[in-house]
Amino acid sequence: MEVNEVNEVVEKEIDYKDVNFLARFACLYEGVNIACDKAEQLGIDPDKSTSWIKPLAFQKYIKDRERDMKYQIEHWNKNKKCAISEENL
C-alpha cells in the first residue's frame, strides 16, 4: 500500500466531528515527541529508560495546548474541504 492510499484510508476513518478527541490526541502525540527529543538531547535513551515519561507534565501540556490544537484542526479541515470543492469546479 502506498502512502497516498494510506492517507485516503486514514482520512475516511477519522470523524472530524469529534474535534475535541482529535485535538487531545494530537497534543499527546506532540507532547510525547517533544519529551522524547528532549530526553535524547540529555543523553537518555528513550527505548531503554522511562525516566523521561512524566504523566502529569503530559496532562498539563494537553490542557494548555488543546484549545490551539482544536483551532488548527478545524482550520485545516475547513481549508481542506474548500480545496476539494474548488477542484470539482
Protein backbone atom coordinates (compact mmCIF):
# COMPACT_ATOMS: atom_id res chain seq x y z
CA MET A 1 0.00 0.00 0.00
CA GLU A 2 1.42 3.40 -0.97
CA VAL A 3 1.47 6.49 1.21
CA ASN A 4 -1.36 8.16 -0.71
CA GLU A 5 -3.54 5.10 -0.28
CA VAL A 6 -2.83 5.02 3.46
CA ASN A 7 -3.69 8.73 3.75
CA GLU A 8 -7.00 8.15 1.96
CA VAL A 9 -7.91 5.28 4.28
CA VAL A 10 -7.00 7.29 7.38
CA GLU A 11 -8.96 10.32 6.18
CA LYS A 12 -12.05 8.17 5.64
CA GLU A 13 -11.76 6.65 9.12
CA ILE A 14 -11.35 9.94 11.02
CA ASP A 15 -14.55 11.52 12.26
CA TYR A 16 -13.86 15.25 12.14
CA LYS A 17 -16.99 15.91 14.19
CA ASP A 18 -15.12 14.80 17.29
CA VAL A 19 -12.51 17.53 17.14
CA ASN A 20 -12.04 17.53 20.91
CA PHE A 21 -10.78 13.93 20.86
CA LEU A 22 -8.54 14.62 17.86
CA ALA A 23 -7.12 17.74 19.49
CA ARG A 24 -6.32 15.96 22.76
CA PHE A 25 -4.77 13.00 20.96
CA ALA A 26 -2.69 15.28 18.71
CA CYS A 27 -1.49 17.17 21.81
CA LEU A 28 -0.49 13.92 23.49
CA TYR A 29 1.36 12.80 20.36
CA GLU A 30 3.12 16.15 20.08
CA GLY A 31 3.98 16.22 23.80
CA VAL A 32 5.47 12.73 23.75
CA ASN A 33 7.59 13.61 20.72
CA ILE A 34 8.85 16.80 22.37
CA ALA A 35 9.69 14.95 25.59
CA CYS A 36 11.39 12.13 23.68
CA ASP A 37 13.51 14.61 21.70
CA LYS A 38 14.49 16.41 24.90
CA ALA A 39 15.41 13.11 26.57
CA GLU A 40 17.66 12.25 23.64
CA GLN A 41 19.31 15.69 23.88
CA LEU A 42 20.04 14.96 27.55
CA GLY A 43 21.62 11.63 26.64
CA ILE A 44 18.73 9.45 27.84
CA ASP A 45 17.85 6.50 25.60
CA PRO A 46 14.01 6.64 25.41
CA ASP A 47 13.87 2.99 24.34
CA LYS A 48 15.72 1.76 27.44
CA SER A 49 14.58 4.23 30.11
CA THR A 50 11.19 5.51 31.19
CA SER A 51 12.56 8.28 33.39
CA TRP A 52 11.56 10.86 30.76
CA ILE A 53 7.88 9.90 30.96
CA LYS A 54 6.06 12.36 33.22
CA PRO A 55 2.26 11.80 33.06
CA LEU A 56 1.41 14.99 34.95
CA ALA A 57 3.57 17.03 32.57
CA PHE A 58 1.78 15.45 29.59
CA GLN A 59 -1.59 16.20 31.19
CA LYS A 60 -0.62 19.84 31.73
CA TYR A 61 0.74 20.11 28.18
CA ILE A 62 -2.51 18.73 26.75
CA LYS A 63 -4.60 21.10 28.84
CA ASP A 64 -2.52 24.13 27.83
CA ARG A 65 -2.28 23.24 24.13
CA GLU A 66 -5.71 21.70 23.44
CA ARG A 67 -7.55 24.90 22.53
CA ASP A 68 -4.98 25.97 19.95
CA MET A 69 -4.72 22.46 18.53
CA LYS A 70 -8.51 22.29 18.17
CA TYR A 71 -8.44 25.57 16.23
CA GLN A 72 -5.65 24.27 13.98
CA ILE A 73 -7.53 21.04 13.22
CA GLU A 74 -10.76 22.90 12.46
CA HIS A 75 -8.88 25.38 10.25
CA TRP A 76 -7.06 22.57 8.42
CA ASN A 77 -10.29 20.62 7.89
CA LYS A 78 -12.14 23.72 6.63
CA ASN A 79 -9.37 24.60 4.17
CA LYS A 80 -9.17 21.00 3.00
CA LYS A 81 -12.90 20.94 2.24
CA CYS A 82 -12.62 24.26 0.38
CA ALA A 83 -9.73 22.93 -1.71
CA ILE A 84 -11.68 19.77 -2.57
CA SER A 85 -14.73 21.83 -3.58
CA GLU A 86 -12.62 24.08 -5.80
CA GLU A 87 -11.06 21.04 -7.54
CA ASN A 88 -14.54 19.81 -8.51
CA LEU A 89 -15.38 23.06 -10.32
